[in-house]
Amino acid sequence: MRSVALPLVALMLLDGCALMLTDPPPPNYRELASFDCDASYAPAIVDTTLALAFAVGAVALATHRDDVDETGLPVTSSIIGISIWSAVYGLSAGLGYHNASACRDARADQGPR
């Protein structure tokens, strides 16, 4: 379990790339001559990958036969913690996909100027 702890902590420090790195178009983009927003799906894809990785980790722990892991913590606590991180990344990914899609739609709606 210790060999997994460092990469797991490193992944947690990346929390929500899409949550922090994507901006939707401004609500009044139709009145603006130009605007800036993020149309890239890359942060959302990273968050989706991390959400799936944490979900797989939670399932792997759920199949763990011991009641206590190597650190002495109950396995149930670890499963809950990892599941929460999976949910955070999943929500961040959803927001990232939404923001990128809204940005692309707004740019298409605005057309060339």
Protein backbone atom coordinates (compact mmCIF):
# COMPACT_ATOMS: atom_id res chain seq x y z
CA MET A 1 0.00 0.00 0.00
CA ARG A 2 2.90 2.39 0.68
CA SER A 3 4.08 2.04 -2.91
CA VAL A 4 0.68 3.32 -4.02
CA ALA A 5 0.50 6.19 -1.51
CA LEU A 6 2.90 8.61 -3.19
CA PRO A 7 1.34 8.41 -6.68
CA LEU A 8 -2.10 8.63 -5.07
CA VAL A 9 -1.17 11.82 -3.21
CA ALA A 10 0.34 13.25 -6.41
CA LEU A 11 -2.90 12.55 -8.27
CA MET A 12 -4.92 14.23 -5.53
CA LEU A 13 -2.87 17.40 -5.97
CA LEU A 14 -4.17 17.60 -9.55
CA ASP A 15 -7.71 17.88 -8.22
CA GLY A 16 -10.10 19.01 -10.84
CA CYS A 17 -8.07 20.23 -13.82
CA ALA A 18 -11.27 21.07 -15.67
CA LEU A 19 -12.73 22.73 -12.59
CA MET A 20 -9.80 25.14 -12.40
CA LEU A 21 -8.71 25.43 -16.03
CA THR A 22 -11.86 25.78 -18.12
CA ASP A 23 -13.89 28.94 -18.53
CA PRO A 24 -17.32 29.05 -20.17
CA PRO A 25 -18.21 31.85 -22.55
CA PRO A 26 -19.50 35.02 -20.89
CA PRO A 27 -23.30 35.17 -20.62
CA ASN A 28 -23.41 38.28 -22.83
CA TYR A 29 -21.08 36.93 -25.56
CA ARG A 30 -23.55 37.94 -28.31
CA GLU A 31 -23.04 41.63 -27.47
CA LEU A 32 -19.24 41.38 -27.34
CA ALA A 33 -16.96 41.98 -30.29
CA SER A 34 -14.71 39.19 -29.02
CA PHE A 35 -14.50 36.99 -25.96
CA ASP A 36 -12.23 34.37 -24.47
CA CYS A 37 -13.24 30.91 -23.30
CA ASP A 38 -11.75 27.41 -23.25
CA ALA A 39 -12.87 25.08 -26.03
CA SER A 40 -10.43 22.28 -25.23
CA TYR A 41 -11.69 18.98 -23.89
CA ALA A 42 -8.21 18.02 -22.63
CA PRO A 43 -8.72 18.98 -18.93
CA ALA A 44 -12.04 17.11 -18.88
CA ILE A 45 -10.41 14.04 -20.43
CA VAL A 46 -7.68 14.10 -17.76
CA ASP A 47 -10.32 14.35 -15.03
CA THR A 48 -12.33 11.51 -16.58
CA THR A 49 -9.23 9.32 -16.60
CA LEU A 50 -8.51 10.13 -12.95
CA ALA A 51 -12.13 9.55 -11.92
CA LEU A 52 -12.03 6.12 -13.53
CA ALA A 53 -8.66 5.33 -11.93
CA PHE A 54 -9.97 6.20 -8.47
CA ALA A 55 -13.17 4.22 -9.10
CA VAL A 56 -11.10 1.17 -10.06
CA GLY A 57 -9.02 1.69 -6.92
CA ALA A 58 -12.15 1.79 -4.77
CA VAL A 59 -13.42 -1.42 -6.35
CA ALA A 60 -10.03 -3.06 -5.85
CA LEU A 61 -10.08 -2.09 -2.17
CA ALA A 62 -13.64 -3.33 -1.83
CA THR A 63 -12.45 -6.78 -2.85
CA HIS A 64 -9.63 -6.61 -0.27
CA ARG A 65 -10.00 -9.52 2.16
CA ASP A 66 -8.67 -7.77 5.28
CA ASP A 67 -10.62 -5.39 7.48
CA VAL A 68 -7.51 -3.24 8.04
CA ASP A 69 -4.93 -2.13 5.48
CA GLU A 70 -1.15 -2.00 6.00
CA THR A 71 -1.36 1.44 7.66
CA GLY A 72 -3.87 0.23 10.24
CA LEU A 73 -6.80 2.16 8.78
CA PRO A 74 -10.06 0.36 8.17
CA VAL A 75 -10.43 -0.55 4.50
CA THR A 76 -13.92 0.97 4.53
CA SER A 77 -12.43 4.40 5.31
CA SER A 78 -10.07 4.09 2.37
CA ILE A 79 -12.89 3.05 0.05
CA ILE A 80 -14.98 6.04 1.10
CA GLY A 81 -12.07 8.46 0.67
CA ILE A 82 -11.10 7.16 -2.75
CA SER A 83 -14.76 7.17 -3.84
CA ILE A 84 -15.06 10.83 -2.83
CA TRP A 85 -12.01 11.72 -4.96
CA SER A 86 -13.50 9.76 -7.85
CA ALA A 87 -16.71 11.79 -7.52
CA VAL A 88 -14.77 15.09 -7.38
CA TYR A 89 -12.91 14.24 -10.57
CA GLY A 90 -16.14 13.04 -12.21
CA LEU A 91 -17.95 16.28 -11.40
CA SER A 92 -14.98 18.33 -12.57
CA ALA A 93 -14.91 16.36 -15.84
CA GLY A 94 -18.62 16.97 -16.37
CA LEU A 95 -18.15 20.69 -15.84
CA GLY A 96 -15.17 20.70 -18.20
CA TYR A 97 -17.12 18.98 -20.98
CA HIS A 98 -20.02 21.40 -20.45
CA ASN A 99 -17.78 24.51 -20.52
CA ALA A 100 -15.86 23.38 -23.61
CA SER A 101 -19.07 22.52 -25.45
CA ALA A 102 -20.67 25.86 -24.49
CA CYS A 103 -17.55 27.69 -25.68
CA ARG A 104 -17.57 25.90 -29.02
CA ASP A 105 -21.28 26.61 -29.47
CA ALA A 106 -20.81 30.29 -28.58
CA ARG A 107 -17.92 30.66 -31.03
CA ALA A 108 -19.97 28.99 -33.78
CA ASP A 109 -22.98 31.18 -32.92
CA GLN A 110 -20.89 34.34 -33.02
CA GLY A 111 -19.40 33.43 -36.40
CA PRO A 112 -16.45 35.18 -38.05
CA ARG A 113 -16.14 38.89 -37.35
